Amino acid sequence: MNKLVTEEEIELVAKFMKIDVHDHKEYVEKVHSMIDFFNILDSAGVEDEEIIIADLPLSKLREDMHIPYEDNLIEKLKNFKGNYVRAPKMI
């Protein structure tokens, strides 16, 4: 079976996403197993299954309502500076 993803492609994607990946071969195997699983799903033969969709008239939906918030929400947050909220550093 011809594999669709190479180790070089995993390395390139990791570089674009700025992810430090030490063992690219491990991820190639994981991607191949995901693709194999998708192939199993594709061959499940559900084309003849009937999809039932319930139509709901607009009159049955709730009315959207705007409820104003009187307090200054940004002042209620723990870590804010000016108009910005400080989030934890992502690794």
Protein backbone atom coordinates (compact mmCIF):
# COMPACT_ATOMS: atom_id res chain seq x y z
CA MET A 1 0.00 0.00 0.00
CA ASN A 2 1.33 3.41 -0.96
CA LYS A 3 1.61 5.61 2.12
CA LEU A 4 0.20 9.11 1.69
CA VAL A 5 2.32 10.88 4.32
CA THR A 6 6.09 10.92 4.55
CA GLU A 7 8.41 11.70 7.42
CA GLU A 8 9.56 14.83 5.56
CA GLU A 9 5.95 16.09 5.34
CA ILE A 10 5.45 15.58 9.07
CA GLU A 11 8.67 17.49 9.71
CA LEU A 12 7.56 20.32 7.41
CA VAL A 13 4.12 20.61 9.04
CA ALA A 14 5.69 20.57 12.51
CA LYS A 15 8.05 23.35 11.41
CA PHE A 16 5.15 25.46 10.05
CA MET A 17 3.20 24.95 13.27
CA LYS A 18 6.33 25.70 15.34
CA ILE A 19 6.10 22.36 17.14
CA ASP A 20 9.29 20.70 18.31
CA VAL A 21 8.99 17.07 17.18
CA HIS A 22 11.97 14.83 17.93
CA ASP A 23 10.82 11.53 16.44
CA HIS A 24 9.03 12.20 13.15
CA LYS A 25 8.80 8.49 12.37
CA GLU A 26 6.48 7.99 15.36
CA TYR A 27 4.05 10.58 13.98
CA VAL A 28 4.19 9.11 10.49
CA GLU A 29 3.00 5.79 11.92
CA LYS A 30 0.19 7.53 13.82
CA VAL A 31 -0.96 9.42 10.71
CA HIS A 32 -0.89 6.20 8.67
CA SER A 33 -3.02 4.43 11.29
CA MET A 34 -5.53 7.32 11.19
CA ILE A 35 -5.69 7.14 7.38
CA ASP A 36 -6.17 3.36 7.58
CA PHE A 37 -9.06 3.93 10.01
CA PHE A 38 -10.64 6.47 7.64
CA ASN A 39 -10.36 3.89 4.84
CA ILE A 40 -12.27 1.41 7.04
CA LEU A 41 -14.96 4.03 7.64
CA ASP A 42 -15.15 4.78 3.91
CA SER A 43 -15.78 1.11 3.16
CA ALA A 44 -18.58 0.77 5.75
CA GLY A 45 -21.27 0.90 3.05
CA VAL A 46 -23.70 3.40 4.53
CA GLU A 47 -24.69 4.99 1.21
CA ASP A 48 -28.13 3.34 1.33
CA GLU A 49 -28.90 4.52 4.88
CA GLU A 50 -31.76 6.99 5.14
CA ILE A 51 -30.96 10.25 6.92
CA ILE A 52 -33.95 11.64 8.80
CA ILE A 53 -34.02 15.41 9.20
CA ALA A 54 -36.75 16.99 11.30
CA ASP A 55 -37.94 20.29 9.86
CA LEU A 56 -38.68 22.85 12.54
CA PRO A 57 -40.65 25.97 11.62
CA LEU A 58 -39.25 29.34 12.67
CA SER A 59 -42.28 29.91 14.89
CA LYS A 60 -41.09 27.05 17.15
CA LEU A 61 -37.68 28.64 17.79
CA ARG A 62 -37.10 30.91 20.77
CA GLU A 63 -36.74 34.62 20.22
CA ASP A 64 -33.23 36.00 20.59
CA MET A 65 -32.99 38.63 23.28
CA HIS A 66 -30.14 40.97 24.13
CA ILE A 67 -29.63 41.28 27.86
CA PRO A 68 -27.19 44.11 28.59
CA TYR A 69 -24.44 43.55 31.18
CA GLU A 70 -24.12 46.69 33.26
CA ASP A 71 -20.72 46.05 34.95
CA ASN A 72 -17.36 46.46 33.24
CA LEU A 73 -16.54 42.79 32.60
CA ILE A 74 -12.81 43.29 32.02
CA GLU A 75 -12.43 44.69 35.54
CA LYS A 76 -13.91 41.46 36.94
CA LEU A 77 -11.04 39.41 35.45
CA LYS A 78 -7.94 38.59 37.49
CA ASN A 79 -5.18 39.45 34.99
CA PHE A 80 -6.01 42.44 32.85
CA LYS A 81 -4.05 45.45 31.72
CA GLY A 82 -5.88 48.24 29.92
CA ASN A 83 -8.14 46.57 27.37
CA TYR A 84 -6.18 43.30 27.31
CA VAL A 85 -6.44 40.10 29.30
CA ARG A 86 -3.23 38.30 30.18
CA ALA A 87 -3.42 34.58 29.51
CA PRO A 88 -1.05 31.89 30.74
CA LYS A 89 2.02 31.26 28.62
CA MET A 90 1.54 28.37 26.22
CA ILE A 91 4.36 25.88 25.86
